[in-house]
Amino acid sequence: MFPLAFQEISWHVRELLGIEEPLWSRSIALPYRDNLGLFLEHKAPAGAKADALTFSQFVQEAGLDSPRSISPSPLSQDLLPCT
């Protein structure tokens, strides 16, 4: 079996988590992307600040919809820190 490319691995992870692909050509006139995808992008950099960020804290600071209105896939629950 051939090793998977990073793009293919990323695609499979996004598919499992149910989040959309971040397209760089996306128009700013479109509505915000899903909260979970935005949260994971903010958690990507390493460091104490990123490690301490919680989903509910991110949603509140970003002024997004309430996290209760979001229903992430069961697989993504393991990625969200306890609040």
PDB file of N, CA and C in Angstrom:
ATOM      1  N   MET A   1       0.837  -1.184   0.000  1.00  0.00           N
ATOM      2  CA  MET A   1       0.000   0.000   0.000  1.00  0.00           C
ATOM      3  C   MET A   1       0.877   1.241   0.000  1.00  0.00           C
ATOM      4  N   PHE A   2       0.478   2.233  -0.779  1.00  0.00           N
ATOM      5  CA  PHE A   2       1.247   3.467  -0.879  1.00  0.00           C
ATOM      6  C   PHE A   2       0.928   4.388   0.288  1.00  0.00           C
ATOM      7  N   PRO A   3       1.906   5.165   0.727  1.00  0.00           N
ATOM      8  CA  PRO A   3       1.624   6.108   1.813  1.00  0.00           C
ATOM      9  C   PRO A   3       0.664   7.209   1.322  1.00  0.00           C
ATOM     10  N   LEU A   4      -0.199   7.647   2.224  1.00  0.00           N
ATOM     11  CA  LEU A   4      -1.159   8.690   1.877  1.00  0.00           C
ATOM     12  C   LEU A   4      -0.485  10.055   1.906  1.00  0.00           C
ATOM     13  N   ALA A   5      -0.879  10.917   0.980  1.00  0.00           N
ATOM     14  CA  ALA A   5      -0.379  12.286   0.968  1.00  0.00           C
ATOM     15  C   ALA A   5      -1.081  13.067   2.075  1.00  0.00           C
ATOM     16  N   PHE A   6      -0.447  14.133   2.555  1.00  0.00           N
ATOM     17  CA  PHE A   6      -1.023  14.940   3.625  1.00  0.00           C
ATOM     18  C   PHE A   6      -2.400  15.475   3.249  1.00  0.00           C
ATOM     19  N   GLN A   7      -2.571  15.882   1.993  1.00  0.00           N
ATOM     20  CA  GLN A   7      -3.863  16.403   1.556  1.00  0.00           C
ATOM     21  C   GLN A   7      -4.951  15.342   1.668  1.00  0.00           C
ATOM     22  N   GLU A   8      -4.614  14.112   1.328  1.00  0.00           N
ATOM     23  CA  GLU A   8      -5.594  13.037   1.391  1.00  0.00           C
ATOM     24  C   GLU A   8      -5.944  12.708   2.844  1.00  0.00           C
ATOM     25  N   ILE A   9      -4.944  12.705   3.717  1.00  0.00           N
ATOM     26  CA  ILE A   9      -5.195  12.470   5.135  1.00  0.00           C
ATOM     27  C   ILE A   9      -6.077  13.577   5.697  1.00  0.00           C
ATOM     28  N   SER A  10      -5.769  14.817   5.361  1.00  0.00           N
ATOM     29  CA  SER A  10      -6.582  15.949   5.824  1.00  0.00           C
ATOM     30  C   SER A  10      -8.010  15.826   5.342  1.00  0.00           C
ATOM     31  N   TRP A  11      -8.177  15.412   4.090  1.00  0.00           N
ATOM     32  CA  TRP A  11      -9.523  15.257   3.535  1.00  0.00           C
ATOM     33  C   TRP A  11     -10.313  14.217   4.324  1.00  0.00           C
ATOM     34  N   HIS A  12      -9.666  13.079   4.637  1.00  0.00           N
ATOM     35  CA  HIS A  12     -10.341  12.021   5.385  1.00  0.00           C
ATOM     36  C   HIS A  12     -10.698  12.478   6.805  1.00  0.00           C
ATOM     37  N   VAL A  13      -9.802  13.218   7.446  1.00  0.00           N
ATOM     38  CA  VAL A  13     -10.091  13.730   8.795  1.00  0.00           C
ATOM     39  C   VAL A  13     -11.268  14.687   8.753  1.00  0.00           C
ATOM     40  N   ARG A  14     -11.275  15.617   7.784  1.00  0.00           N
ATOM     41  CA  ARG A  14     -12.405  16.553   7.650  1.00  0.00           C
ATOM     42  C   ARG A  14     -13.706  15.799   7.395  1.00  0.00           C
ATOM     43  N   GLU A  15     -13.634  14.739   6.588  1.00  0.00           N
ATOM     44  CA  GLU A  15     -14.820  13.947   6.297  1.00  0.00           C
ATOM     45  C   GLU A  15     -15.343  13.263   7.568  1.00  0.00           C
ATOM     46  N   LEU A  16     -14.446  12.697   8.366  1.00  0.00           N
ATOM     47  CA  LEU A  16     -14.847  12.035   9.610  1.00  0.00           C
ATOM     48  C   LEU A  16     -15.449  13.014  10.614  1.00  0.00           C
ATOM     49  N   LEU A  17     -14.872  14.218  10.678  1.00  0.00           N
ATOM     50  CA  LEU A  17     -15.362  15.211  11.633  1.00  0.00           C
ATOM     51  C   LEU A  17     -16.567  15.982  11.120  1.00  0.00           C
ATOM     52  N   GLY A  18     -16.843  15.868   9.837  1.00  0.00           N
ATOM     53  CA  GLY A  18     -17.987  16.572   9.270  1.00  0.00           C
ATOM     54  C   GLY A  18     -17.770  18.067   9.131  1.00  0.00           C
ATOM     55  N   ILE A  19     -16.526  18.477   8.832  1.00  0.00           N
ATOM     56  CA  ILE A  19     -16.242  19.900   8.647  1.00  0.00           C
ATOM     57  C   ILE A  19     -15.860  20.150   7.197  1.00  0.00           C
ATOM     58  N   GLU A  20     -16.118  21.372   6.733  1.00  0.00           N
ATOM     59  CA  GLU A  20     -15.850  21.689   5.332  1.00  0.00           C
ATOM     60  C   GLU A  20     -14.395  22.080   5.123  1.00  0.00           C
ATOM     61  N   GLU A  21     -13.941  21.922   3.897  1.00  0.00           N
ATOM     62  CA  GLU A  21     -12.566  22.253   3.546  1.00  0.00           C
ATOM     63  C   GLU A  21     -12.383  23.766   3.517  1.00  0.00           C
ATOM     64  N   PRO A  22     -11.304  24.289   4.126  1.00  0.00           N
ATOM     65  CA  PRO A  22     -11.063  25.733   4.090  1.00  0.00           C
ATOM     66  C   PRO A  22     -10.487  26.153   2.732  1.00  0.00           C
ATOM     67  N   LEU A  23     -11.313  26.691   1.878  1.00  0.00           N
ATOM     68  CA  LEU A  23     -10.866  27.113   0.552  1.00  0.00           C
ATOM     69  C   LEU A  23     -10.331  28.545   0.614  1.00  0.00           C
ATOM     70  N   TRP A  24      -9.157  28.752   0.045  1.00  0.00           N
ATOM     71  CA  TRP A  24      -8.547  30.081   0.078  1.00  0.00           C
ATOM     72  C   TRP A  24      -9.238  31.039  -0.879  1.00  0.00           C
ATOM     73  N   SER A  25      -9.950  30.517  -1.857  1.00  0.00           N
ATOM     74  CA  SER A  25     -10.643  31.372  -2.813  1.00  0.00           C
ATOM     75  C   SER A  25     -12.081  31.666  -2.387  1.00  0.00           C
ATOM     76  N   ARG A  26     -12.432  31.332  -1.149  1.00  0.00           N
ATOM     77  CA  ARG A  26     -13.793  31.503  -0.632  1.00  0.00           C
ATOM     78  C   ARG A  26     -14.132  32.985  -0.512  1.00  0.00           C
ATOM     79  N   SER A  27     -15.310  33.355  -0.980  1.00  0.00           N
ATOM     80  CA  SER A  27     -15.744  34.748  -0.938  1.00  0.00           C
ATOM     81  C   SER A  27     -16.074  35.164   0.493  1.00  0.00           C
ATOM     82  N   ILE A  28     -15.715  36.395   0.862  1.00  0.00           N
ATOM     83  CA  ILE A  28     -16.045  36.883   2.198  1.00  0.00           C
ATOM     84  C   ILE A  28     -17.526  37.210   2.318  1.00  0.00           C
ATOM     85  N   ALA A  29     -18.247  37.228   1.205  1.00  0.00           N
ATOM     86  CA  ALA A  29     -19.682  37.482   1.231  1.00  0.00           C
ATOM     87  C   ALA A  29     -20.469  36.268   1.717  1.00  0.00           C
ATOM     88  N   LEU A  30     -19.846  35.095   1.721  1.00  0.00           N
ATOM     89  CA  LEU A  30     -20.512  33.884   2.188  1.00  0.00           C
ATOM     90  C   LEU A  30     -20.622  33.897   3.711  1.00  0.00           C
ATOM     91  N   PRO A  31     -21.587  33.177   4.281  1.00  0.00           N
ATOM     92  CA  PRO A  31     -21.691  33.112   5.748  1.00  0.00           C
ATOM     93  C   PRO A  31     -20.482  32.412   6.348  1.00  0.00           C
ATOM     94  N   TYR A  32     -20.309  32.596   7.665  1.00  0.00           N
ATOM     95  CA  TYR A  32     -19.199  31.958   8.360  1.00  0.00           C
ATOM     96  C   TYR A  32     -19.195  30.456   8.136  1.00  0.00           C
ATOM     97  N   ARG A  33     -18.006  29.874   8.177  1.00  0.00           N
ATOM     98  CA  ARG A  33     -17.900  28.421   8.120  1.00  0.00           C
ATOM     99  C   ARG A  33     -18.358  27.852   9.449  1.00  0.00           C
ATOM    100  N   ASP A  34     -18.396  26.534   9.537  1.00  0.00           N
ATOM    101  CA  ASP A  34     -18.856  25.900  10.766  1.00  0.00           C
ATOM    102  C   ASP A  34     -17.908  26.201  11.927  1.00  0.00           C
ATOM    103  N   ASN A  35     -18.466  26.304  13.126  1.00  0.00           N
ATOM    104  CA  ASN A  35     -17.693  26.667  14.314  1.00  0.00           C
ATOM    105  C   ASN A  35     -16.596  25.665  14.637  1.00  0.00           C
ATOM    106  N   LEU A  36     -16.871  24.380  14.458  1.00  0.00           N
ATOM    107  CA  LEU A  36     -15.877  23.362  14.782  1.00  0.00           C
ATOM    108  C   LEU A  36     -14.645  23.504  13.887  1.00  0.00           C
ATOM    109  N   GLY A  37     -14.854  23.743  12.593  1.00  0.00           N
ATOM    110  CA  GLY A  37     -13.725  23.930  11.684  1.00  0.00           C
ATOM    111  C   GLY A  37     -12.884  25.138  12.044  1.00  0.00           C
ATOM    112  N   LEU A  38     -13.547  26.242  12.386  1.00  0.00           N
ATOM    113  CA  LEU A  38     -12.825  27.447  12.797  1.00  0.00           C
ATOM    114  C   LEU A  38     -12.050  27.204  14.090  1.00  0.00           C
ATOM    115  N   PHE A  39     -12.687  26.502  15.025  1.00  0.00           N
ATOM    116  CA  PHE A  39     -12.035  26.192  16.300  1.00  0.00           C
ATOM    117  C   PHE A  39     -10.775  25.352  16.078  1.00  0.00           C
ATOM    118  N   LEU A  40     -10.872  24.321  15.252  1.00  0.00           N
ATOM    119  CA  LEU A  40      -9.721  23.452  15.005  1.00  0.00           C
ATOM    120  C   LEU A  40      -8.593  24.195  14.317  1.00  0.00           C
ATOM    121  N   GLU A  41      -8.919  25.169  13.472  1.00  0.00           N
ATOM    122  CA  GLU A  41      -7.873  25.986  12.848  1.00  0.00           C
ATOM    123  C   GLU A  41      -7.134  26.808  13.896  1.00  0.00           C
ATOM    124  N   HIS A  42      -7.869  27.310  14.893  1.00  0.00           N
ATOM    125  CA  HIS A  42      -7.233  28.085  15.956  1.00  0.00           C
ATOM    126  C   HIS A  42      -6.432  27.197  16.911  1.00  0.00           C
ATOM    127  N   LYS A  43      -6.796  25.928  17.024  1.00  0.00           N
ATOM    128  CA  LYS A  43      -6.082  25.003  17.885  1.00  0.00           C
ATOM    129  C   LYS A  43      -4.839  24.418  17.207  1.00  0.00           C
ATOM    130  N   ALA A  44      -4.699  24.588  15.899  1.00  0.00           N
ATOM    131  CA  ALA A  44      -3.612  23.963  15.149  1.00  0.00           C
ATOM    132  C   ALA A  44      -2.212  24.387  15.612  1.00  0.00           C
ATOM    133  N   PRO A  45      -1.967  25.673  15.836  1.00  0.00           N
ATOM    134  CA  PRO A  45      -0.613  26.030  16.292  1.00  0.00           C
ATOM    135  C   PRO A  45      -0.316  25.448  17.670  1.00  0.00           C
ATOM    136  N   ALA A  46       0.932  25.098  17.900  1.00  0.00           N
ATOM    137  CA  ALA A  46       1.322  24.554  19.195  1.00  0.00           C
ATOM    138  C   ALA A  46       1.568  25.695  20.176  1.00  0.00           C
ATOM    139  N   GLY A  47       1.414  25.394  21.424  1.00  0.00           N
ATOM    140  CA  GLY A  47       1.707  26.379  22.451  1.00  0.00           C
ATOM    141  C   GLY A  47       0.677  26.361  23.557  1.00  0.00           C
ATOM    142  N   ALA A  48       1.041  26.973  24.675  1.00  0.00           N
ATOM    143  CA  ALA A  48       0.178  26.955  25.858  1.00  0.00           C
ATOM    144  C   ALA A  48      -1.151  27.655  25.594  1.00  0.00           C
ATOM    145  N   LYS A  49      -1.134  28.756  24.843  1.00  0.00           N
ATOM    146  CA  LYS A  49      -2.365  29.495  24.578  1.00  0.00           C
ATOM    147  C   LYS A  49      -3.340  28.653  23.758  1.00  0.00           C
ATOM    148  N   ALA A  50      -2.847  27.990  22.721  1.00  0.00           N
ATOM    149  CA  ALA A  50      -3.705  27.141  21.896  1.00  0.00           C
ATOM    150  C   ALA A  50      -4.179  25.930  22.686  1.00  0.00           C
ATOM    151  N   ASP A  51      -3.325  25.369  23.520  1.00  0.00           N
ATOM    152  CA  ASP A  51      -3.703  24.209  24.320  1.00  0.00           C
ATOM    153  C   ASP A  51      -4.794  24.542  25.332  1.00  0.00           C
ATOM    154  N   ALA A  52      -4.774  25.768  25.860  1.00  0.00           N
ATOM    155  CA  ALA A  52      -5.732  26.162  26.892  1.00  0.00           C
ATOM    156  C   ALA A  52      -7.086  26.582  26.310  1.00  0.00           C
ATOM    157  N   LEU A  53      -7.147  26.859  25.018  1.00  0.00           N
ATOM    158  CA  LEU A  53      -8.383  27.332  24.404  1.00  0.00           C
ATOM    159  C   LEU A  53      -9.439  26.228  24.378  1.00  0.00           C
ATOM    160  N   THR A  54     -10.636  26.531  24.864  1.00  0.00           N
ATOM    161  CA  THR A  54     -11.743  25.585  24.829  1.00  0.00           C
ATOM    162  C   THR A  54     -12.717  26.000  23.735  1.00  0.00           C
ATOM    163  N   PHE A  55     -13.551  25.055  23.312  1.00  0.00           N
ATOM    164  CA  PHE A  55     -14.515  25.337  22.256  1.00  0.00           C
ATOM    165  C   PHE A  55     -15.489  26.437  22.676  1.00  0.00           C
ATOM    166  N   SER A  56     -16.043  26.338  23.883  1.00  0.00           N
ATOM    167  CA  SER A  56     -17.003  27.352  24.324  1.00  0.00           C
ATOM    168  C   SER A  56     -16.341  28.715  24.487  1.00  0.00           C
ATOM    169  N   GLN A  57     -15.104  28.748  24.945  1.00  0.00           N
ATOM    170  CA  GLN A  57     -14.363  30.008  25.063  1.00  0.00           C
ATOM    171  C   GLN A  57     -14.135  30.614  23.674  1.00  0.00           C
ATOM    172  N   PHE A  58     -13.745  29.791  22.715  1.00  0.00           N
ATOM    173  CA  PHE A  58     -13.525  30.273  21.347  1.00  0.00           C
ATOM    174  C   PHE A  58     -14.802  30.865  20.757  1.00  0.00           C
ATOM    175  N   VAL A  59     -15.922  30.153  20.919  1.00  0.00           N
ATOM    176  CA  VAL A  59     -17.196  30.610  20.368  1.00  0.00           C
ATOM    177  C   VAL A  59     -17.584  31.941  20.995  1.00  0.00           C
ATOM    178  N   GLN A  60     -17.406  32.068  22.306  1.00  0.00           N
ATOM    179  CA  GLN A  60     -17.768  33.298  23.001  1.00  0.00           C
ATOM    180  C   GLN A  60     -16.879  34.463  22.555  1.00  0.00           C
ATOM    181  N   GLU A  61     -15.562  34.261  22.509  1.00  0.00           N
ATOM    182  CA  GLU A  61     -14.634  35.325  22.126  1.00  0.00           C
ATOM    183  C   GLU A  61     -14.799  35.732  20.668  1.00  0.00           C
ATOM    184  N   ALA A  62     -15.149  34.780  19.805  1.00  0.00           N
ATOM    185  CA  ALA A  62     -15.312  35.079  18.385  1.00  0.00           C
ATOM    186  C   ALA A  62     -16.692  35.654  18.082  1.00  0.00           C
ATOM    187  N   GLY A  63     -17.593  35.614  19.059  1.00  0.00           N
ATOM    188  CA  GLY A  63     -18.936  36.145  18.853  1.00  0.00           C
ATOM    189  C   GLY A  63     -19.770  35.289  17.911  1.00  0.00           C
ATOM    190  N   LEU A  64     -19.529  33.987  17.927  1.00  0.00           N
ATOM    191  CA  LEU A  64     -20.260  33.068  17.056  1.00  0.00           C
ATOM    192  C   LEU A  64     -21.506  32.564  17.775  1.00  0.00           C
ATOM    193  N   ASP A  65     -22.286  31.736  17.092  1.00  0.00           N
ATOM    194  CA  ASP A  65     -23.474  31.155  17.698  1.00  0.00           C
ATOM    195  C   ASP A  65     -23.097  30.323  18.915  1.00  0.00           C
ATOM    196  N   SER A  66     -24.064  30.089  19.750  1.00  0.00           N
ATOM    197  CA  SER A  66     -23.856  29.292  20.957  1.00  0.00           C
ATOM    198  C   SER A  66     -23.360  27.902  20.597  1.00  0.00           C
ATOM    199  N   PRO A  67     -22.397  27.351  21.364  1.00  0.00           N
ATOM    200  CA  PRO A  67     -21.912  26.004  21.072  1.00  0.00           C
ATOM    201  C   PRO A  67     -22.991  24.944  21.238  1.00  0.00           C
ATOM    202  N   ARG A  68     -24.051  25.248  21.974  1.00  0.00           N
ATOM    203  CA  ARG A  68     -25.126  24.275  22.144  1.00  0.00           C
ATOM    204  C   ARG A  68     -25.890  24.048  20.849  1.00  0.00           C
ATOM    205  N   SER A  69     -25.859  25.043  19.940  1.00  0.00           N
ATOM    206  CA  SER A  69     -26.572  24.888  18.679  1.00  0.00           C
ATOM    207  C   SER A  69     -25.783  24.051  17.680  1.00  0.00           C
ATOM    208  N   ILE A  70     -24.554  23.713  18.016  1.00  0.00           N
ATOM    209  CA  ILE A  70     -23.691  22.929  17.149  1.00  0.00           C
ATOM    210  C   ILE A  70     -23.758  21.474  17.591  1.00  0.00           C
ATOM    211  N   SER A  71     -23.858  20.581  16.637  1.00  0.00           N
ATOM    212  CA  SER A  71     -23.831  19.163  16.988  1.00  0.00           C
ATOM    213  C   SER A  71     -22.720  18.479  16.214  1.00  0.00           C
ATOM    214  N   PRO A  72     -21.464  18.553  16.737  1.00  0.00           N
ATOM    215  CA  PRO A  72     -20.355  17.901  16.035  1.00  0.00           C
ATOM    216  C   PRO A  72     -20.530  16.397  16.045  1.00  0.00           C
ATOM    217  N   SER A  73     -19.844  15.760  15.130  1.00  0.00           N
ATOM    218  CA  SER A  73     -19.944  14.307  15.034  1.00  0.00           C
ATOM    219  C   SER A  73     -19.382  13.674  16.305  1.00  0.00           C
ATOM    220  N   PRO A  74     -19.806  12.459  16.655  1.00  0.00           N
ATOM    221  CA  PRO A  74     -19.305  11.802  17.861  1.00  0.00           C
ATOM    222  C   PRO A  74     -17.796  11.615  17.857  1.00  0.00           C
ATOM    223  N   LEU A  75     -17.187  11.447  16.692  1.00  0.00           N
ATOM    224  CA  LEU A  75     -15.737  11.275  16.618  1.00  0.00           C
ATOM    225  C   LEU A  75     -15.007  12.534  17.033  1.00  0.00           C
ATOM    226  N   SER A  76     -15.607  13.709  16.791  1.00  0.00           N
ATOM    227  CA  SER A  76     -14.926  14.957  17.119  1.00  0.00           C
ATOM    228  C   SER A  76     -14.976  15.265  18.604  1.00  0.00           C
ATOM    229  N   GLN A  77     -15.825  14.597  19.371  1.00  0.00           N
ATOM    230  CA  GLN A  77     -15.923  14.852  20.800  1.00  0.00           C
ATOM    231  C   GLN A  77     -14.596  14.584  21.511  1.00  0.00           C
ATOM    232  N   ASP A  78     -13.816  13.648  21.004  1.00  0.00           N
ATOM    233  CA  ASP A  78     -12.525  13.350  21.625  1.00  0.00           C
ATOM    234  C   ASP A  78     -11.535  14.482  21.446  1.00  0.00           C
ATOM    235  N   LEU A  79     -11.736  15.326  20.439  1.00  0.00           N
ATOM    236  CA  LEU A  79     -10.810  16.432  20.178  1.00  0.00           C
ATOM    237  C   LEU A  79     -11.122  17.662  21.001  1.00  0.00           C
ATOM    238  N   LEU A  80     -12.351  17.768  21.497  1.00  0.00           N
ATOM    239  CA  LEU A  80     -12.747  18.949  22.234  1.00  0.00           C
ATOM    240  C   LEU A  80     -12.363  18.799  23.699  1.00  0.00           C
ATOM    241  N   PRO A  81     -11.681  19.826  24.270  1.00  0.00           N
ATOM    242  CA  PRO A  81     -11.297  19.720  25.671  1.00  0.00           C
ATOM    243  C   PRO A  81     -12.527  19.847  26.572  1.00  0.00           C
ATOM    244  N   CYS A  82     -12.447  19.280  27.733  1.00  0.00           N
ATOM    245  CA  CYS A  82     -13.533  19.395  28.703  1.00  0.00           C
ATOM    246  C   CYS A  82     -13.620  20.825  29.183  1.00  0.00           C
ATOM    247  N   THR A  83     -14.837  21.332  29.313  1.00  0.00           N
ATOM    248  CA  THR A  83     -15.004  22.714  29.779  1.00  0.00           C
ATOM    249  C   THR A  83     -15.707  22.744  31.098  1.00  0.00           C
TER     250      THR A  83
END
